[in-house]
Amino acid sequence: MPPYHHGQLRTALLEAAERSLRENGEEQLSLRELAREIGVSHAAPRRHFPDRQSLLYALAETGFARLDEQLRAAVAAAGEGYVPQLRATVKAYITFATDDAALLELMFSSKHRPGAEQVVAAAEPAFTLLYGLIVRGQAEGRLAAGDPERIGLVMFATMQGIATLINTGLARPELLDDLVETAVEQFVGNVKASSVRSG
């Protein structure tokens, strides 16, 4: 058996669990199978995860942390302009949602389970970033005025919708950049359209 130290075993289990989730789906995820895969006793995972649900919660938490990290990296790489930052964020989210579709589904299903306070807390930074982008866009006159939560829901639905189209084969993955560009133009363009109507 590999001589896993405390933190290393937890990391190895989460990595193996994510591979299993991606390849076989949530229903096939088993602590016993993960132990067998990484070469430890079937009781060893329980040092970190007392049951299967605690493992799923931990996977969801690490997923939200990675999503937040990727969104922030995209914003940082996009430069100072608002529209490039919005475009980069939308693309980063959809890329995550298409690269890790099963993980994203687990993240959101876990977030809404009773007793999942740590998952909710893990999700907050990524959604705070998205909310902040909407508020900033409104302040700069780049996004339409109105309830930022409502606009955020529509934007989120748009990103999820594009990801679903790609994940289900209804849109080719190579169309991602064009779809992102069109989505961003719709949101930013609404301001110009409303200005024309009011004028």
C-alpha atoms as a PDB file:
ATOM      1  CA  MET A   1       0.000   0.000   0.000  1.00  0.00           C
ATOM      2  CA  PRO A   2       1.255   3.526  -0.735  1.00  0.00           C
ATOM      3  CA  PRO A   3       2.430   5.305   2.430  1.00  0.00           C
ATOM      4  CA  TYR A   4      -0.116   8.124   2.216  1.00  0.00           C
ATOM      5  CA  HIS A   5       0.238  10.818   4.829  1.00  0.00           C
ATOM      6  CA  HIS A   6      -2.869  12.440   6.267  1.00  0.00           C
ATOM      7  CA  GLY A   7      -3.353  15.249   3.726  1.00  0.00           C
ATOM      8  CA  GLN A   8      -2.076  13.193   0.818  1.00  0.00           C
ATOM      9  CA  LEU A   9      -4.696  10.490   1.309  1.00  0.00           C
ATOM     10  CA  ARG A  10      -7.505  13.042   1.273  1.00  0.00           C
ATOM     11  CA  THR A  11      -6.123  14.626  -1.904  1.00  0.00           C
ATOM     12  CA  ALA A  12      -5.653  11.225  -3.574  1.00  0.00           C
ATOM     13  CA  LEU A  13      -9.233  10.246  -2.711  1.00  0.00           C
ATOM     14  CA  LEU A  14     -10.658  13.480  -4.099  1.00  0.00           C
ATOM     15  CA  GLU A  15      -8.645  13.160  -7.312  1.00  0.00           C
ATOM     16  CA  ALA A  16      -9.760   9.549  -7.773  1.00  0.00           C
ATOM     17  CA  ALA A  17     -13.359  10.523  -6.973  1.00  0.00           C
ATOM     18  CA  GLU A  18     -13.303  13.261  -9.589  1.00  0.00           C
ATOM     19  CA  ARG A  19     -11.972  10.846 -12.218  1.00  0.00           C
ATOM     20  CA  SER A  20     -14.690   8.344 -11.328  1.00  0.00           C
ATOM     21  CA  LEU A  21     -17.352  11.057 -11.448  1.00  0.00           C
ATOM     22  CA  ARG A  22     -16.204  12.159 -14.897  1.00  0.00           C
ATOM     23  CA  GLU A  23     -16.003   8.628 -16.300  1.00  0.00           C
ATOM     24  CA  ASN A  24     -18.872   6.817 -14.566  1.00  0.00           C
ATOM     25  CA  GLY A  25     -21.189   9.406 -13.028  1.00  0.00           C
ATOM     26  CA  GLU A  26     -22.217  10.122  -9.445  1.00  0.00           C
ATOM     27  CA  GLU A  27     -24.215   6.921  -8.928  1.00  0.00           C
ATOM     28  CA  GLN A  28     -21.130   4.719  -9.380  1.00  0.00           C
ATOM     29  CA  LEU A  29     -19.030   6.648  -6.861  1.00  0.00           C
ATOM     30  CA  SER A  30     -18.069   4.354  -3.973  1.00  0.00           C
ATOM     31  CA  LEU A  31     -15.633   4.845  -1.084  1.00  0.00           C
ATOM     32  CA  ARG A  32     -14.718   1.162  -1.228  1.00  0.00           C
ATOM     33  CA  GLU A  33     -13.937   1.339  -4.963  1.00  0.00           C
ATOM     34  CA  LEU A  34     -11.879   4.499  -4.498  1.00  0.00           C
ATOM     35  CA  ALA A  35      -9.878   2.798  -1.747  1.00  0.00           C
ATOM     36  CA  ARG A  36      -9.239  -0.159  -4.041  1.00  0.00           C
ATOM     37  CA  GLU A  37      -8.201   2.133  -6.914  1.00  0.00           C
ATOM     38  CA  ILE A  38      -5.587   4.037  -4.933  1.00  0.00           C
ATOM     39  CA  GLY A  39      -4.402   0.943  -3.046  1.00  0.00           C
ATOM     40  CA  VAL A  40      -5.446   1.548   0.554  1.00  0.00           C
ATOM     41  CA  SER A  41      -7.617  -0.486   2.929  1.00  0.00           C
ATOM     42  CA  HIS A  42     -11.353  -0.115   2.472  1.00  0.00           C
ATOM     43  CA  ALA A  43     -11.531   1.525   5.923  1.00  0.00           C
ATOM     44  CA  ALA A  44      -8.844   4.158   5.189  1.00  0.00           C
ATOM     45  CA  PRO A  45     -11.127   6.704   3.391  1.00  0.00           C
ATOM     46  CA  ARG A  46     -13.305   6.960   6.507  1.00  0.00           C
ATOM     47  CA  ARG A  47     -10.525   8.831   8.274  1.00  0.00           C
ATOM     48  CA  HIS A  48     -11.450  11.776   6.042  1.00  0.00           C
ATOM     49  CA  PHE A  49     -14.953  10.987   4.816  1.00  0.00           C
ATOM     50  CA  PRO A  50     -17.252   9.236   7.298  1.00  0.00           C
ATOM     51  CA  ASP A  51     -19.706   8.444   4.515  1.00  0.00           C
ATOM     52  CA  ARG A  52     -20.265   8.838   0.794  1.00  0.00           C
ATOM     53  CA  GLN A  53     -22.203  12.102   1.171  1.00  0.00           C
ATOM     54  CA  SER A  54     -19.326  13.791   2.980  1.00  0.00           C
ATOM     55  CA  LEU A  55     -17.086  12.858   0.035  1.00  0.00           C
ATOM     56  CA  LEU A  56     -19.609  14.347  -2.410  1.00  0.00           C
ATOM     57  CA  TYR A  57     -19.746  17.559  -0.378  1.00  0.00           C
ATOM     58  CA  ALA A  58     -15.944  17.773  -0.376  1.00  0.00           C
ATOM     59  CA  LEU A  59     -15.906  17.268  -4.156  1.00  0.00           C
ATOM     60  CA  ALA A  60     -18.455  20.065  -4.572  1.00  0.00           C
ATOM     61  CA  GLU A  61     -16.397  22.388  -2.357  1.00  0.00           C
ATOM     62  CA  THR A  62     -13.195  21.770  -4.319  1.00  0.00           C
ATOM     63  CA  GLY A  63     -15.163  22.248  -7.549  1.00  0.00           C
ATOM     64  CA  PHE A  64     -16.428  25.665  -6.484  1.00  0.00           C
ATOM     65  CA  ALA A  65     -12.933  26.655  -5.345  1.00  0.00           C
ATOM     66  CA  ARG A  66     -11.533  25.702  -8.749  1.00  0.00           C
ATOM     67  CA  LEU A  67     -14.335  27.514 -10.587  1.00  0.00           C
ATOM     68  CA  ASP A  68     -13.610  30.675  -8.597  1.00  0.00           C
ATOM     69  CA  GLU A  69      -9.892  30.350  -9.298  1.00  0.00           C
ATOM     70  CA  GLN A  70     -10.497  29.972 -13.044  1.00  0.00           C
ATOM     71  CA  LEU A  71     -12.930  32.898 -13.203  1.00  0.00           C
ATOM     72  CA  ARG A  72     -10.518  35.187 -11.351  1.00  0.00           C
ATOM     73  CA  ALA A  73      -7.617  34.103 -13.554  1.00  0.00           C
ATOM     74  CA  ALA A  74      -9.715  34.877 -16.647  1.00  0.00           C
ATOM     75  CA  VAL A  75     -10.593  38.354 -15.358  1.00  0.00           C
ATOM     76  CA  ALA A  76      -6.950  39.070 -14.484  1.00  0.00           C
ATOM     77  CA  ALA A  77      -5.735  37.962 -17.921  1.00  0.00           C
ATOM     78  CA  ALA A  78      -8.341  40.052 -19.765  1.00  0.00           C
ATOM     79  CA  GLY A  79      -6.884  43.440 -18.874  1.00  0.00           C
ATOM     80  CA  GLU A  80      -8.718  46.468 -17.499  1.00  0.00           C
ATOM     81  CA  GLY A  81     -11.596  46.850 -19.965  1.00  0.00           C
ATOM     82  CA  TYR A  82     -15.060  45.861 -18.799  1.00  0.00           C
ATOM     83  CA  VAL A  83     -16.249  44.060 -21.944  1.00  0.00           C
ATOM     84  CA  PRO A  84     -13.070  41.947 -22.302  1.00  0.00           C
ATOM     85  CA  GLN A  85     -13.400  40.977 -18.621  1.00  0.00           C
ATOM     86  CA  LEU A  86     -17.061  40.056 -19.056  1.00  0.00           C
ATOM     87  CA  ARG A  87     -16.276  38.046 -22.188  1.00  0.00           C
ATOM     88  CA  ALA A  88     -13.400  36.233 -20.460  1.00  0.00           C
ATOM     89  CA  THR A  89     -15.578  35.408 -17.452  1.00  0.00           C
ATOM     90  CA  VAL A  90     -18.440  34.054 -19.562  1.00  0.00           C
ATOM     91  CA  LYS A  91     -16.014  31.916 -21.563  1.00  0.00           C
ATOM     92  CA  ALA A  92     -14.240  30.646 -18.437  1.00  0.00           C
ATOM     93  CA  TYR A  93     -17.527  29.604 -16.858  1.00  0.00           C
ATOM     94  CA  ILE A  94     -18.777  27.797 -19.962  1.00  0.00           C
ATOM     95  CA  THR A  95     -15.399  26.108 -20.429  1.00  0.00           C
ATOM     96  CA  PHE A  96     -15.569  24.816 -16.854  1.00  0.00           C
ATOM     97  CA  ALA A  97     -19.164  23.671 -17.410  1.00  0.00           C
ATOM     98  CA  THR A  98     -18.237  21.747 -20.555  1.00  0.00           C
ATOM     99  CA  ASP A  99     -14.936  20.322 -19.307  1.00  0.00           C
ATOM    100  CA  ASP A 100     -16.427  19.221 -15.951  1.00  0.00           C
ATOM    101  CA  ALA A 101     -20.145  18.793 -16.622  1.00  0.00           C
ATOM    102  CA  ALA A 102     -20.671  15.987 -14.084  1.00  0.00           C
ATOM    103  CA  LEU A 103     -18.759  17.885 -11.411  1.00  0.00           C
ATOM    104  CA  LEU A 104     -20.750  21.072 -12.029  1.00  0.00           C
ATOM    105  CA  GLU A 105     -24.024  19.152 -11.738  1.00  0.00           C
ATOM    106  CA  LEU A 106     -22.825  17.676  -8.439  1.00  0.00           C
ATOM    107  CA  MET A 107     -21.756  21.129  -7.216  1.00  0.00           C
ATOM    108  CA  PHE A 108     -25.217  22.615  -7.728  1.00  0.00           C
ATOM    109  CA  SER A 109     -27.180  19.614  -6.494  1.00  0.00           C
ATOM    110  CA  SER A 110     -25.028  19.515  -3.330  1.00  0.00           C
ATOM    111  CA  LYS A 111     -25.420  23.246  -2.742  1.00  0.00           C
ATOM    112  CA  HIS A 112     -29.174  22.889  -2.306  1.00  0.00           C
ATOM    113  CA  ARG A 113     -29.150  19.904   0.056  1.00  0.00           C
ATOM    114  CA  PRO A 114     -30.026  20.451   3.739  1.00  0.00           C
ATOM    115  CA  GLY A 115     -26.901  20.722   5.878  1.00  0.00           C
ATOM    116  CA  ALA A 116     -24.609  21.768   3.006  1.00  0.00           C
ATOM    117  CA  GLU A 117     -23.503  25.049   4.616  1.00  0.00           C
ATOM    118  CA  GLN A 118     -19.831  24.485   3.714  1.00  0.00           C
ATOM    119  CA  VAL A 119     -20.735  23.941   0.056  1.00  0.00           C
ATOM    120  CA  VAL A 120     -22.795  27.151   0.066  1.00  0.00           C
ATOM    121  CA  ALA A 121     -19.832  29.012   1.588  1.00  0.00           C
ATOM    122  CA  ALA A 122     -17.479  27.530  -1.018  1.00  0.00           C
ATOM    123  CA  ALA A 123     -19.784  28.708  -3.820  1.00  0.00           C
ATOM    124  CA  GLU A 124     -20.001  32.284  -2.584  1.00  0.00           C
ATOM    125  CA  PRO A 125     -16.702  33.721  -3.949  1.00  0.00           C
ATOM    126  CA  ALA A 126     -17.445  32.739  -7.575  1.00  0.00           C
ATOM    127  CA  PHE A 127     -20.968  34.159  -7.442  1.00  0.00           C
ATOM    128  CA  THR A 128     -19.747  37.280  -5.668  1.00  0.00           C
ATOM    129  CA  LEU A 129     -17.338  37.832  -8.565  1.00  0.00           C
ATOM    130  CA  LEU A 130     -20.128  37.444 -11.145  1.00  0.00           C
ATOM    131  CA  TYR A 131     -22.444  39.728  -9.171  1.00  0.00           C
ATOM    132  CA  GLY A 132     -19.675  42.314  -8.867  1.00  0.00           C
ATOM    133  CA  LEU A 133     -19.141  42.285 -12.623  1.00  0.00           C
ATOM    134  CA  ILE A 134     -22.833  42.980 -13.201  1.00  0.00           C
ATOM    135  CA  VAL A 135     -22.939  45.839 -10.679  1.00  0.00           C
ATOM    136  CA  ARG A 136     -19.785  47.337 -12.195  1.00  0.00           C
ATOM    137  CA  GLY A 137     -21.224  47.032 -15.716  1.00  0.00           C
ATOM    138  CA  GLN A 138     -24.340  48.896 -14.633  1.00  0.00           C
ATOM    139  CA  ALA A 139     -22.292  51.604 -12.893  1.00  0.00           C
ATOM    140  CA  GLU A 140     -20.240  52.110 -16.060  1.00  0.00           C
ATOM    141  CA  GLY A 141     -23.342  52.163 -18.267  1.00  0.00           C
ATOM    142  CA  ARG A 142     -22.294  48.995 -20.075  1.00  0.00           C
ATOM    143  CA  LEU A 143     -25.194  46.860 -18.805  1.00  0.00           C
ATOM    144  CA  ALA A 144     -28.868  47.756 -18.553  1.00  0.00           C
ATOM    145  CA  ALA A 145     -30.127  49.229 -15.292  1.00  0.00           C
ATOM    146  CA  GLY A 146     -32.361  47.160 -13.047  1.00  0.00           C
ATOM    147  CA  ASP A 147     -32.123  44.503 -10.370  1.00  0.00           C
ATOM    148  CA  PRO A 148     -28.584  43.048 -10.680  1.00  0.00           C
ATOM    149  CA  GLU A 149     -29.778  39.702  -9.305  1.00  0.00           C
ATOM    150  CA  ARG A 150     -32.369  39.426 -12.071  1.00  0.00           C
ATOM    151  CA  ILE A 151     -29.810  40.324 -14.722  1.00  0.00           C
ATOM    152  CA  GLY A 152     -27.408  37.859 -13.132  1.00  0.00           C
ATOM    153  CA  LEU A 153     -29.984  35.074 -13.349  1.00  0.00           C
ATOM    154  CA  VAL A 154     -30.535  35.739 -17.049  1.00  0.00           C
ATOM    155  CA  MET A 155     -26.780  35.829 -17.640  1.00  0.00           C
ATOM    156  CA  PHE A 156     -26.342  32.612 -15.674  1.00  0.00           C
ATOM    157  CA  ALA A 157     -29.154  30.955 -17.651  1.00  0.00           C
ATOM    158  CA  THR A 158     -27.455  32.037 -20.874  1.00  0.00           C
ATOM    159  CA  MET A 159     -24.091  30.556 -19.818  1.00  0.00           C
ATOM    160  CA  GLN A 160     -25.727  27.331 -18.611  1.00  0.00           C
ATOM    161  CA  GLY A 161     -27.742  27.131 -21.810  1.00  0.00           C
ATOM    162  CA  ILE A 162     -24.681  27.412 -24.048  1.00  0.00           C
ATOM    163  CA  ALA A 163     -22.884  24.792 -21.952  1.00  0.00           C
ATOM    164  CA  THR A 164     -25.864  22.446 -22.223  1.00  0.00           C
ATOM    165  CA  LEU A 165     -26.026  22.888 -26.006  1.00  0.00           C
ATOM    166  CA  ILE A 166     -22.354  21.925 -26.256  1.00  0.00           C
ATOM    167  CA  ASN A 167     -22.583  19.081 -23.726  1.00  0.00           C
ATOM    168  CA  THR A 168     -25.558  17.517 -25.495  1.00  0.00           C
ATOM    169  CA  GLY A 169     -24.053  17.866 -28.973  1.00  0.00           C
ATOM    170  CA  LEU A 170     -26.576  20.451 -30.174  1.00  0.00           C
ATOM    171  CA  ALA A 171     -23.730  22.943 -30.712  1.00  0.00           C
ATOM    172  CA  ARG A 172     -20.206  22.091 -31.813  1.00  0.00           C
ATOM    173  CA  PRO A 173     -17.491  22.869 -29.214  1.00  0.00           C
ATOM    174  CA  GLU A 174     -15.593  24.955 -31.759  1.00  0.00           C
ATOM    175  CA  LEU A 175     -18.526  27.411 -31.798  1.00  0.00           C
ATOM    176  CA  LEU A 176     -17.815  28.377 -28.187  1.00  0.00           C
ATOM    177  CA  ASP A 177     -16.003  31.646 -28.952  1.00  0.00           C
ATOM    178  CA  ASP A 178     -18.722  32.801 -31.376  1.00  0.00           C
ATOM    179  CA  LEU A 179     -21.493  31.906 -28.922  1.00  0.00           C
ATOM    180  CA  VAL A 180     -19.732  33.757 -26.108  1.00  0.00           C
ATOM    181  CA  GLU A 181     -19.264  36.800 -28.337  1.00  0.00           C
ATOM    182  CA  THR A 182     -22.952  36.779 -29.307  1.00  0.00           C
ATOM    183  CA  ALA A 183     -24.063  36.414 -25.673  1.00  0.00           C
ATOM    184  CA  VAL A 184     -21.881  39.304 -24.501  1.00  0.00           C
ATOM    185  CA  GLU A 185     -23.073  41.472 -27.404  1.00  0.00           C
ATOM    186  CA  GLN A 186     -26.680  40.776 -26.362  1.00  0.00           C
ATOM    187  CA  PHE A 187     -26.081  41.973 -22.808  1.00  0.00           C
ATOM    188  CA  VAL A 188     -23.955  44.986 -23.681  1.00  0.00           C
ATOM    189  CA  GLY A 189     -26.073  45.783 -26.758  1.00  0.00           C
ATOM    190  CA  ASN A 190     -29.259  46.032 -24.659  1.00  0.00           C
ATOM    191  CA  VAL A 191     -27.992  49.353 -23.278  1.00  0.00           C
ATOM    192  CA  LYS A 192     -27.564  50.796 -26.774  1.00  0.00           C
ATOM    193  CA  ALA A 193     -30.962  49.484 -27.833  1.00  0.00           C
ATOM    194  CA  SER A 194     -32.737  50.994 -24.818  1.00  0.00           C
ATOM    195  CA  SER A 195     -30.926  54.319 -25.405  1.00  0.00           C
ATOM    196  CA  VAL A 196     -32.179  54.392 -29.000  1.00  0.00           C
ATOM    197  CA  ARG A 197     -35.769  53.614 -27.875  1.00  0.00           C
ATOM    198  CA  SER A 198     -35.728  56.280 -25.146  1.00  0.00           C
ATOM    199  CA  GLY A 199     -34.304  58.813 -27.565  1.00  0.00           C
END
